[in-house]
Amino acid sequence: MSAPSDADKTLNLILSRLYDMKAEEAVTIDLRGTSAFYHYMINTCGRAIRQASTFSENVTKAPAETGIKNIHF
C-alpha cells in the first residue's frame, strides 16, 4: 500500500477540522484526473452564516498551521 499523498493528507486534515466544528452533510468530490489544479472539492453546510464563515476561516488556516504549503482555495 502506498503512502498517502499531500492532497490526501490535506483532505483528511480539512475533513477533521470540519467534523470538529460540527459541519453538516460534508461531501467530498474527487476531481483527480478531471482538473489540472484541484484534487478534491468539499461541499458542506452549517446551521448559520456565522458558523459557515468560521468553517472557511479555520479550513484556510489548517494547512499552514501544519506546514502544508502550496494549497489553493
N, C-alpha and C. Protein backbone atom coordinates (compact mmCIF):
# COMPACT_ATOMS: atom_id res chain seq x y z
N MET A 1 0.85 -1.19 0.00
CA MET A 1 0.00 0.00 0.00
C MET A 1 0.89 1.24 0.00
N SER A 2 0.56 2.20 -0.82
CA SER A 2 1.39 3.40 -0.92
C SER A 2 1.03 4.41 0.17
N ALA A 3 1.97 5.29 0.43
CA ALA A 3 1.75 6.33 1.44
C ALA A 3 0.76 7.36 0.89
N PRO A 4 -0.03 7.98 1.78
CA PRO A 4 -0.98 8.99 1.31
C PRO A 4 -0.25 10.19 0.72
N SER A 5 -0.83 10.75 -0.34
CA SER A 5 -0.26 11.92 -0.98
C SER A 5 -0.52 13.17 -0.12
N ASP A 6 0.15 14.26 -0.47
CA ASP A 6 -0.10 15.52 0.24
C ASP A 6 -1.55 15.94 0.09
N ALA A 7 -2.14 15.69 -1.08
CA ALA A 7 -3.55 16.04 -1.29
C ALA A 7 -4.45 15.25 -0.35
N ASP A 8 -4.14 13.97 -0.17
CA ASP A 8 -4.94 13.13 0.73
C ASP A 8 -4.77 13.56 2.18
N LYS A 9 -3.54 13.91 2.56
CA LYS A 9 -3.29 14.38 3.93
C LYS A 9 -4.05 15.68 4.19
N THR A 10 -4.03 16.57 3.20
CA THR A 10 -4.74 17.84 3.34
C THR A 10 -6.24 17.61 3.42
N LEU A 11 -6.75 16.72 2.59
CA LEU A 11 -8.18 16.39 2.62
C LEU A 11 -8.57 15.88 4.00
N ASN A 12 -7.80 14.95 4.54
CA ASN A 12 -8.11 14.40 5.87
C ASN A 12 -8.05 15.47 6.95
N LEU A 13 -7.08 16.36 6.85
CA LEU A 13 -6.96 17.46 7.81
C LEU A 13 -8.19 18.36 7.76
N ILE A 14 -8.58 18.73 6.56
CA ILE A 14 -9.73 19.63 6.40
C ILE A 14 -11.02 18.95 6.86
N LEU A 15 -11.22 17.70 6.49
CA LEU A 15 -12.43 16.99 6.93
C LEU A 15 -12.46 16.85 8.45
N SER A 16 -11.30 16.62 9.05
CA SER A 16 -11.22 16.54 10.50
C SER A 16 -11.62 17.86 11.15
N ARG A 17 -11.11 18.96 10.60
CA ARG A 17 -11.47 20.29 11.13
C ARG A 17 -12.97 20.54 10.99
N LEU A 18 -13.51 20.21 9.84
CA LEU A 18 -14.95 20.42 9.63
C LEU A 18 -15.78 19.57 10.59
N TYR A 19 -15.37 18.33 10.79
CA TYR A 19 -16.07 17.45 11.72
C TYR A 19 -16.02 18.03 13.14
N ASP A 20 -14.85 18.52 13.54
CA ASP A 20 -14.70 19.11 14.88
C ASP A 20 -15.59 20.34 15.06
N MET A 21 -15.83 21.07 13.98
CA MET A 21 -16.65 22.28 14.05
C MET A 21 -18.14 21.99 13.80
N LYS A 22 -18.49 20.72 13.75
CA LYS A 22 -19.89 20.29 13.59
C LYS A 22 -20.48 20.65 12.23
N ALA A 23 -19.66 20.55 11.19
CA ALA A 23 -20.17 20.76 9.83
C ALA A 23 -21.18 19.67 9.51
N GLU A 24 -22.16 20.01 8.70
CA GLU A 24 -23.22 19.07 8.36
C GLU A 24 -23.14 18.70 6.88
N GLU A 25 -23.44 17.45 6.60
CA GLU A 25 -23.56 16.95 5.24
C GLU A 25 -22.32 17.23 4.39
N ALA A 26 -21.14 16.98 4.92
CA ALA A 26 -19.91 17.18 4.15
C ALA A 26 -19.82 16.12 3.06
N VAL A 27 -19.62 16.59 1.83
CA VAL A 27 -19.49 15.71 0.67
C VAL A 27 -18.16 16.01 0.01
N THR A 28 -17.38 14.97 -0.26
CA THR A 28 -16.10 15.12 -0.93
C THR A 28 -16.24 14.65 -2.37
N ILE A 29 -15.83 15.49 -3.31
CA ILE A 29 -15.89 15.14 -4.72
C ILE A 29 -14.45 15.00 -5.22
N ASP A 30 -14.13 13.84 -5.76
CA ASP A 30 -12.79 13.55 -6.27
C ASP A 30 -12.64 14.15 -7.67
N LEU A 31 -11.74 15.10 -7.81
CA LEU A 31 -11.51 15.77 -9.09
C LEU A 31 -10.23 15.32 -9.78
N ARG A 32 -9.52 14.36 -9.16
CA ARG A 32 -8.27 13.89 -9.76
C ARG A 32 -8.56 13.33 -11.15
N GLY A 33 -7.78 13.74 -12.11
CA GLY A 33 -7.96 13.29 -13.49
C GLY A 33 -8.91 14.15 -14.30
N THR A 34 -9.63 15.06 -13.63
CA THR A 34 -10.55 15.93 -14.37
C THR A 34 -10.14 17.39 -14.29
N SER A 35 -9.24 17.72 -13.38
CA SER A 35 -8.81 19.09 -13.19
C SER A 35 -7.29 19.14 -13.08
N ALA A 36 -6.69 20.11 -13.72
CA ALA A 36 -5.24 20.27 -13.65
C ALA A 36 -4.82 20.96 -12.35
N PHE A 37 -5.74 21.60 -11.67
CA PHE A 37 -5.40 22.39 -10.49
C PHE A 37 -5.90 21.82 -9.18
N TYR A 38 -6.97 21.08 -9.19
CA TYR A 38 -7.60 20.64 -7.95
C TYR A 38 -7.67 19.12 -7.87
N HIS A 39 -7.54 18.61 -6.66
CA HIS A 39 -7.66 17.17 -6.43
C HIS A 39 -9.03 16.81 -5.86
N TYR A 40 -9.52 17.66 -4.95
CA TYR A 40 -10.81 17.40 -4.30
C TYR A 40 -11.60 18.69 -4.15
N MET A 41 -12.90 18.53 -4.06
CA MET A 41 -13.78 19.63 -3.71
C MET A 41 -14.62 19.13 -2.54
N ILE A 42 -14.77 19.97 -1.53
CA ILE A 42 -15.58 19.63 -0.37
C ILE A 42 -16.74 20.60 -0.30
N ASN A 43 -17.92 20.06 -0.16
CA ASN A 43 -19.12 20.87 -0.03
C ASN A 43 -19.77 20.51 1.30
N THR A 44 -20.03 21.52 2.11
CA THR A 44 -20.65 21.27 3.41
C THR A 44 -21.55 22.44 3.78
N CYS A 45 -22.30 22.29 4.82
CA CYS A 45 -23.15 23.39 5.27
C CYS A 45 -23.16 23.45 6.79
N GLY A 46 -23.61 24.59 7.29
CA GLY A 46 -23.73 24.80 8.72
C GLY A 46 -25.11 25.31 9.04
N ARG A 47 -25.36 25.53 10.30
CA ARG A 47 -26.69 25.96 10.74
C ARG A 47 -26.91 27.46 10.61
N ALA A 48 -25.83 28.23 10.49
CA ALA A 48 -25.97 29.69 10.41
C ALA A 48 -24.82 30.26 9.58
N ILE A 49 -25.00 31.47 9.09
CA ILE A 49 -23.97 32.13 8.29
C ILE A 49 -22.69 32.27 9.10
N ARG A 50 -22.80 32.61 10.35
CA ARG A 50 -21.61 32.77 11.19
C ARG A 50 -20.83 31.46 11.31
N GLN A 51 -21.53 30.35 11.46
CA GLN A 51 -20.87 29.06 11.55
C GLN A 51 -20.16 28.73 10.23
N ALA A 52 -20.81 28.97 9.12
CA ALA A 52 -20.19 28.72 7.81
C ALA A 52 -18.97 29.59 7.60
N SER A 53 -19.01 30.82 8.07
CA SER A 53 -17.87 31.71 7.98
C SER A 53 -16.70 31.18 8.80
N THR A 54 -17.00 30.63 9.95
CA THR A 54 -15.97 30.03 10.80
C THR A 54 -15.35 28.82 10.11
N PHE A 55 -16.15 28.03 9.40
CA PHE A 55 -15.61 26.90 8.64
C PHE A 55 -14.54 27.41 7.69
N SER A 56 -14.89 28.42 6.94
CA SER A 56 -13.98 28.97 5.93
C SER A 56 -12.68 29.45 6.54
N GLU A 57 -12.77 30.20 7.61
CA GLU A 57 -11.58 30.73 8.27
C GLU A 57 -10.67 29.62 8.78
N ASN A 58 -11.25 28.64 9.45
CA ASN A 58 -10.45 27.56 10.04
C ASN A 58 -9.87 26.63 8.98
N VAL A 59 -10.62 26.35 7.95
CA VAL A 59 -10.14 25.45 6.90
C VAL A 59 -8.98 26.08 6.13
N THR A 60 -9.02 27.37 5.88
CA THR A 60 -7.92 28.00 5.15
C THR A 60 -6.66 28.13 6.00
N LYS A 61 -6.79 28.15 7.32
CA LYS A 61 -5.63 28.24 8.21
C LYS A 61 -5.01 26.87 8.49
N ALA A 62 -5.80 25.81 8.44
CA ALA A 62 -5.35 24.49 8.85
C ALA A 62 -4.08 24.00 8.15
N PRO A 63 -3.99 24.05 6.82
CA PRO A 63 -2.77 23.55 6.18
C PRO A 63 -1.52 24.32 6.58
N ALA A 64 -1.60 25.63 6.65
CA ALA A 64 -0.44 26.44 7.03
C ALA A 64 0.01 26.12 8.45
N GLU A 65 -0.92 25.88 9.34
CA GLU A 65 -0.59 25.57 10.72
C GLU A 65 0.14 24.24 10.86
N THR A 66 -0.06 23.34 9.91
CA THR A 66 0.59 22.03 9.98
C THR A 66 1.77 21.92 9.02
N GLY A 67 2.11 23.02 8.35
CA GLY A 67 3.29 23.05 7.49
C GLY A 67 3.04 22.63 6.05
N ILE A 68 1.80 22.43 5.65
CA ILE A 68 1.49 22.09 4.26
C ILE A 68 1.48 23.39 3.45
N LYS A 69 2.22 23.38 2.34
CA LYS A 69 2.33 24.58 1.51
C LYS A 69 1.71 24.38 0.14
N ASN A 70 1.55 25.48 -0.57
CA ASN A 70 1.04 25.49 -1.94
C ASN A 70 -0.39 24.96 -2.03
N ILE A 71 -1.23 25.38 -1.11
CA ILE A 71 -2.64 25.00 -1.13
C ILE A 71 -3.42 26.09 -1.84
N HIS A 72 -4.33 25.69 -2.73
CA HIS A 72 -5.15 26.65 -3.47
C HIS A 72 -6.61 26.45 -3.07
N PHE A 73 -7.22 27.56 -2.65
CA PHE A 73 -8.64 27.51 -2.26
C PHE A 73 -9.45 28.30 -3.24
